[in-house]
């Protein structure tokens, strides 16, 4: 199989891909065509069917595995596929594992590292809360390990939520050591819990799309709700500590324009915001650099608000 990450301008392809998105459109001259997003475990690519009524284009739906025949071209600095042939595949013609992007890191090892942070928490109430999610609630823990951290911006792969959460916890662990004023148990707990709402905001792969509640409420609000539900089952959980923890989650995006219901008011919330932002932006850069090998200038990135360039060797 020729994976999407290996596509180059001018390639001819004839292989099976997951159709992640399909939408009909018209050119300026009123000619119909179709926009597709094709996916395999190495990433996604835009595709066009310029002749949707041709004999080579058979019926298929979103999330079908489709035999695609066509050519790879470059448009505005990005690769896309011009599809000439498309046929829905039958079970047995493909291995679903080839189409789900997965973290390059070992998921079991990452989860054990996350649990080691939990075992190191000294505050009995915070430790009980974390254990209620990641040890006692096996269904939640399994879903957490399978979830992505985003639909497309960063860590958009199986295990992405776990990888991002562990990276944020690692950064927060450093910050807690560098700045003794920080309440370490609170910061590490907030780091581990800050994005748990994404298990409800986004569906699992292969869909990896926003749920109804994800669209209506968002992961920050849902995460605070989930924390409140677990806290209600822990007798004597201090109300002030609960408020400080939930504030860190509510404020972790830092600014109102970035979807943060609150701005950071605690030093732990400030630290969490910067750790979250650091990992998100550096992972975005990492994924950009990997998606366009050999290119110096990678184009404008909306999240980074910059025209991105590869560092010279």
Protein backbone atom coordinates (compact mmCIF):
# COMPACT_ATOMS: atom_id res chain seq x y z
CA UNK A 1 0.00 0.00 0.00
CA UNK A 2 1.21 3.50 -0.82
CA UNK A 3 0.65 5.61 2.28
CA UNK A 4 -0.41 9.24 2.06
CA UNK A 5 2.76 10.48 3.78
CA UNK A 6 4.74 9.09 0.81
CA UNK A 7 2.70 10.91 -1.86
CA UNK A 8 4.68 13.20 -4.16
CA UNK A 9 3.63 15.57 -6.92
CA UNK A 10 3.13 13.60 -10.13
CA UNK A 11 2.50 10.22 -8.49
CA UNK A 12 -0.16 7.94 -9.94
CA UNK A 13 -2.03 6.00 -7.26
CA UNK A 14 -4.29 2.97 -7.25
CA UNK A 15 -5.00 1.85 -3.71
CA UNK A 16 -7.61 1.72 -0.94
CA UNK A 17 -8.24 4.72 1.33
CA UNK A 18 -10.83 5.67 3.92
CA UNK A 19 -13.12 8.47 2.73
CA UNK A 20 -13.26 10.81 5.72
CA UNK A 21 -15.31 13.55 4.04
CA UNK A 22 -17.35 14.01 0.87
CA UNK A 23 -19.13 17.14 -0.33
CA UNK A 24 -20.62 18.19 -3.66
CA UNK A 25 -19.65 21.59 -5.08
CA UNK A 26 -19.66 23.61 -8.28
CA UNK A 27 -16.96 25.46 -10.18
CA UNK A 28 -17.38 29.15 -11.01
CA UNK A 29 -18.76 28.00 -14.36
CA UNK A 30 -21.43 25.88 -12.68
CA UNK A 31 -19.76 22.53 -13.39
CA UNK A 32 -20.31 19.96 -10.60
CA UNK A 33 -17.40 18.34 -8.80
CA UNK A 34 -16.81 16.70 -5.41
CA UNK A 35 -14.47 17.46 -2.53
CA UNK A 36 -13.09 14.46 -0.64
CA UNK A 37 -10.73 13.94 2.26
CA UNK A 38 -8.88 10.63 2.07
CA UNK A 39 -7.27 9.09 5.15
CA UNK A 40 -4.86 6.36 6.12
CA UNK A 41 -2.82 5.85 9.28
CA UNK A 42 -0.18 8.33 8.11
CA UNK A 43 -2.54 11.26 7.60
CA UNK A 44 -5.13 12.83 5.32
CA UNK A 45 -5.14 14.50 1.92
CA UNK A 46 -7.64 16.59 -0.03
CA UNK A 47 -9.01 15.02 -3.19
CA UNK A 48 -11.24 16.16 -6.05
CA UNK A 49 -13.56 14.25 -8.37
CA UNK A 50 -13.77 16.57 -11.35
CA UNK A 51 -16.04 14.22 -13.34
CA UNK A 52 -18.45 12.81 -10.71
CA UNK A 53 -20.80 11.35 -13.33
CA UNK A 54 -18.14 9.42 -15.24
CA UNK A 55 -18.36 5.63 -15.52
CA UNK A 56 -15.28 5.16 -13.34
CA UNK A 57 -16.90 6.73 -10.27
CA UNK A 58 -19.10 4.17 -8.47
CA UNK A 59 -21.35 4.72 -5.44
CA UNK A 60 -19.71 5.15 -2.03
CA UNK A 61 -20.38 7.01 1.22
CA UNK A 62 -18.42 8.82 3.91
CA UNK A 63 -16.41 6.35 6.07
CA UNK A 64 -16.40 3.76 3.29
CA UNK A 65 -13.11 2.15 2.29
CA UNK A 66 -12.72 3.02 -1.38
CA UNK A 67 -10.35 1.89 -4.13
CA UNK A 68 -9.04 5.17 -5.49
CA UNK A 69 -7.36 5.62 -8.84
CA UNK A 70 -5.92 8.98 -9.79
CA UNK A 71 -2.96 11.31 -9.74
CA UNK A 72 -1.26 13.48 -7.13
CA UNK A 73 -0.89 17.16 -7.98
CA UNK A 74 0.29 20.26 -6.14
CA UNK A 75 -2.08 23.23 -5.66
CA UNK A 76 -1.19 26.35 -3.68
CA UNK A 77 1.73 24.53 -2.11
CA UNK A 78 -0.30 21.54 -0.89
CA UNK A 79 -0.75 18.10 -2.42
CA UNK A 80 -4.15 16.86 -3.54
CA UNK A 81 -5.48 13.89 -5.47
CA UNK A 82 -7.38 14.12 -8.73
CA UNK A 83 -9.64 11.06 -8.62
CA UNK A 84 -10.41 9.30 -11.90
CA UNK A 85 -11.75 6.00 -10.52
CA UNK A 86 -13.51 5.12 -7.24
CA UNK A 87 -15.03 1.82 -6.08
CA UNK A 88 -16.38 0.88 -2.65
CA UNK A 89 -14.42 -2.06 -1.23
CA UNK A 90 -15.74 -5.16 0.46
CA UNK A 91 -14.70 -6.44 3.88
CA UNK A 92 -11.58 -8.53 3.52
CA UNK A 93 -10.05 -6.26 0.90
CA UNK A 94 -8.52 -3.97 3.53
CA UNK A 95 -7.10 -3.98 7.05
CA UNK A 96 -8.74 -1.21 9.16
CA UNK A 97 -5.48 -0.83 11.11
CA UNK A 98 -3.91 0.70 7.98
CA UNK A 99 -6.36 3.60 8.11
CA UNK A 100 -6.30 4.74 11.72
CA UNK A 101 -3.53 7.22 12.54
CA UNK A 102 -1.87 6.07 15.77
CA UNK A 103 0.62 7.71 18.11
CA UNK A 104 4.23 6.85 17.30
CA UNK A 105 4.76 6.32 21.04
CA UNK A 106 3.82 3.17 22.96
CA UNK A 107 0.33 3.70 24.40
CA UNK A 108 0.76 1.24 27.28
CA UNK A 109 4.04 2.82 28.33
CA UNK A 110 2.54 6.32 28.21
CA UNK A 111 -0.41 5.24 30.32
CA UNK A 112 1.88 3.68 32.91
CA UNK A 113 3.86 6.93 33.09
CA UNK A 114 0.62 8.86 33.59
CA UNK A 115 -0.37 6.48 36.38
CA UNK A 116 3.04 7.02 38.00
CA UNK A 117 2.20 10.72 38.26
CA UNK A 118 -1.07 9.76 39.95
CA UNK A 119 0.69 7.50 42.43
CA UNK A 120 2.99 10.40 43.34
CA UNK A 121 0.14 12.74 44.33
CA UNK A 122 0.29 13.44 48.07
CA UNK A 123 -3.07 15.15 48.54
CA UNK A 124 -5.50 12.35 49.41
CA UNK A 125 -8.53 14.02 47.79
CA UNK A 126 -6.82 14.77 44.48
CA UNK A 127 -5.36 11.27 44.42
CA UNK A 128 -8.80 9.71 45.00
CA UNK A 129 -10.22 11.84 42.19
CA UNK A 130 -7.53 10.81 39.70
CA UNK A 131 -7.83 7.16 40.69
CA UNK A 132 -11.61 7.37 40.22
CA UNK A 133 -11.01 8.24 36.56
CA UNK A 134 -7.88 6.35 35.56
CA UNK A 135 -7.88 3.26 37.79
CA UNK A 136 -11.40 2.49 39.00
CA UNK A 137 -13.22 3.56 35.82
CA UNK A 138 -11.78 1.08 33.33
CA UNK A 139 -14.21 2.07 30.59
CA UNK A 140 -13.14 5.71 30.82
CA UNK A 141 -9.45 4.80 30.95
CA UNK A 142 -9.75 2.62 27.84
CA UNK A 143 -11.55 5.37 25.93
CA UNK A 144 -9.04 7.98 27.09
CA UNK A 145 -6.19 5.90 25.67
CA UNK A 146 -7.97 5.52 22.30
CA UNK A 147 -9.05 9.16 21.95
CA UNK A 148 -7.45 11.89 19.90
CA UNK A 149 -6.71 15.35 21.25
CA UNK A 150 -8.21 17.16 18.26
CA UNK A 151 -10.05 16.64 15.01
CA UNK A 152 -7.19 18.00 12.93
CA UNK A 153 -5.08 20.71 14.62
CA UNK A 154 -2.67 18.67 16.76
CA UNK A 155 -2.46 15.13 18.17
CA UNK A 156 -5.30 14.07 15.85
CA UNK A 157 -4.61 10.34 16.13
CA UNK A 158 -5.39 7.31 18.28
CA UNK A 159 -3.55 7.85 21.56
CA UNK A 160 -3.24 11.57 20.84
CA UNK A 161 -5.14 12.64 23.94
CA UNK A 162 -2.94 10.47 26.15
CA UNK A 163 0.25 11.68 24.43
CA UNK A 164 -0.75 15.33 24.77
CA UNK A 165 -1.85 14.92 28.40
CA UNK A 166 1.40 13.21 29.36
CA UNK A 167 3.45 15.90 27.61
CA UNK A 168 1.55 18.62 29.49
CA UNK A 169 2.04 16.74 32.77
CA UNK A 170 5.78 16.45 32.05
CA UNK A 171 6.04 20.19 31.41
CA UNK A 172 4.02 20.96 34.54
CA UNK A 173 6.23 18.66 36.59
CA UNK A 174 9.24 20.72 35.49
CA UNK A 175 7.47 24.02 36.20
CA UNK A 176 6.46 22.87 39.69
CA UNK A 177 10.09 22.11 40.45
CA UNK A 178 11.34 25.40 39.03
CA UNK A 179 8.77 27.57 40.83
CA UNK A 180 8.28 26.43 44.45
CA UNK A 181 5.25 28.72 44.89
CA UNK A 182 3.27 26.33 42.71
CA UNK A 183 1.04 23.79 44.47
CA UNK A 184 2.50 20.76 42.67
CA UNK A 185 -0.31 18.30 43.44
CA UNK A 186 -2.91 20.76 42.15
CA UNK A 187 -0.96 21.53 38.97
CA UNK A 188 -0.21 17.89 38.10
CA UNK A 189 -3.83 16.92 38.79
CA UNK A 190 -5.10 19.75 36.60
CA UNK A 191 -2.67 18.74 33.85
CA UNK A 192 -3.95 15.15 33.87
CA UNK A 193 -7.60 16.25 33.92
CA UNK A 194 -7.54 19.36 31.73
CA UNK A 195 -8.68 17.68 28.52
CA UNK A 196 -10.76 14.73 29.77
CA UNK A 197 -13.83 16.36 28.23
CA UNK A 198 -12.43 15.46 24.81
CA UNK A 199 -13.49 11.86 25.44
CA UNK A 200 -17.05 13.21 25.10
CA UNK A 201 -16.37 16.06 22.68
CA UNK A 202 -14.96 13.84 19.92
CA UNK A 203 -16.09 10.44 18.72
CA UNK A 204 -13.53 7.66 18.43
CA UNK A 205 -11.85 6.79 15.15
CA UNK A 206 -12.56 6.29 12.33
CA UNK A 207 -15.10 9.12 12.73
CA UNK A 208 -13.04 11.35 15.07
CA UNK A 209 -15.66 14.06 14.70
CA UNK A 210 -17.52 16.38 17.04
CA UNK A 211 -20.44 14.89 18.96
CA UNK A 212 -23.64 16.90 19.50
CA UNK A 213 -22.56 17.76 23.05
CA UNK A 214 -19.08 18.53 21.74
CA UNK A 215 -20.56 21.15 19.44
CA UNK A 216 -22.97 22.54 22.02
CA UNK A 217 -20.82 22.51 25.16
CA UNK A 218 -17.18 21.91 24.28
CA UNK A 219 -14.56 19.87 26.09
CA UNK A 220 -13.76 22.47 28.76
CA UNK A 221 -17.31 22.66 30.11
CA UNK A 222 -17.80 18.90 29.80
CA UNK A 223 -14.49 18.26 31.55
CA UNK A 224 -15.54 20.37 34.53
CA UNK A 225 -18.88 18.52 34.62
CA UNK A 226 -17.05 15.17 34.66
CA UNK A 227 -14.79 16.33 37.49
CA UNK A 228 -17.82 17.53 39.47
CA UNK A 229 -19.52 14.14 39.01
CA UNK A 230 -16.52 12.27 40.43
CA UNK A 231 -15.98 14.76 43.27
CA UNK A 232 -19.57 14.19 44.37
CA UNK A 233 -18.62 10.59 45.12
CA UNK A 234 -15.64 11.49 47.33
CA UNK A 235 -16.78 12.29 50.92
CA UNK A 236 -15.29 15.43 52.40
CA UNK A 237 -13.64 16.73 49.22
CA UNK A 238 -12.75 20.34 50.15
CA UNK A 239 -14.93 22.85 48.29
CA UNK A 240 -12.07 25.36 47.95
CA UNK A 241 -9.76 22.74 46.41
CA UNK A 242 -12.53 21.64 44.04
CA UNK A 243 -13.01 25.26 42.94
CA UNK A 244 -9.29 25.78 42.35
CA UNK A 245 -8.99 22.57 40.33
CA UNK A 246 -12.02 23.41 38.19
CA UNK A 247 -10.70 26.94 37.67
CA UNK A 248 -7.47 25.53 36.22
CA UNK A 249 -9.47 23.44 33.75
CA UNK A 250 -11.77 26.35 32.85
CA UNK A 251 -8.82 28.70 32.27
CA UNK A 252 -6.39 26.42 30.45
CA UNK A 253 -6.96 28.03 27.02
CA UNK A 254 -5.85 31.30 28.56
CA UNK A 255 -7.91 33.82 26.58
CA UNK A 256 -11.62 34.30 25.94
CA UNK A 257 -11.04 34.41 22.17
CA UNK A 258 -9.51 30.93 22.35
CA UNK A 259 -12.61 29.47 24.01
CA UNK A 260 -11.49 29.85 27.62
CA UNK A 261 -14.49 30.51 29.91
CA UNK A 262 -12.10 32.12 32.44
CA UNK A 263 -8.69 33.75 32.35
CA UNK A 264 -6.06 32.25 34.68
CA UNK A 265 -6.28 33.67 38.22
CA UNK A 266 -4.06 31.12 40.00
CA UNK A 267 -0.36 30.49 39.42
CA UNK A 268 -1.21 26.85 38.71
CA UNK A 269 -3.71 27.94 36.06
CA UNK A 270 -1.08 30.15 34.41
CA UNK A 271 1.43 27.29 34.40
CA UNK A 272 -1.13 24.86 32.97
CA UNK A 273 -2.11 27.29 30.21
CA UNK A 274 1.48 27.76 29.07
CA UNK A 275 2.26 24.04 29.26
CA UNK A 276 -0.85 23.20 27.22
CA UNK A 277 -0.12 25.92 24.66
CA UNK A 278 3.54 24.92 24.39
CA UNK A 279 2.78 21.28 23.65
CA UNK A 280 -0.04 22.09 21.22
CA UNK A 281 2.07 24.52 19.17
CA UNK A 282 5.23 22.40 19.11
CA UNK A 283 3.24 19.33 18.08
CA UNK A 284 1.57 21.40 15.34
CA UNK A 285 5.03 22.38 14.08
CA UNK A 286 6.23 18.77 14.30
CA UNK A 287 3.28 17.52 12.25
CA UNK A 288 3.71 20.31 9.69
CA UNK A 289 7.39 19.52 9.20
CA UNK A 290 6.65 15.81 8.81
CA UNK A 291 3.86 16.43 6.28
CA UNK A 292 6.05 18.26 3.76
CA UNK A 293 9.50 16.65 3.64
CA UNK A 294 11.99 18.55 1.52
CA UNK A 295 10.06 21.83 1.50
CA UNK A 296 11.66 24.87 3.14
CA UNK A 297 8.58 27.11 3.32
CA UNK A 298 5.46 25.24 4.45
CA UNK A 299 2.90 28.01 4.01
CA UNK A 300 0.68 29.93 6.42
CA UNK A 301 -0.64 28.08 9.47
CA UNK A 302 -3.79 29.45 11.09
CA UNK A 303 -3.01 28.18 14.60
CA UNK A 304 0.53 29.56 14.57
CA UNK A 305 -0.52 32.73 12.69
CA UNK A 306 2.68 32.57 10.70
CA UNK A 307 4.14 31.47 7.40
CA UNK A 308 6.17 28.49 8.60
CA UNK A 309 9.74 27.70 7.48
CA UNK A 310 11.95 24.67 8.10
CA UNK A 311 15.16 25.35 10.02
CA UNK A 312 18.29 25.14 7.85
CA UNK A 313 20.68 22.29 8.56
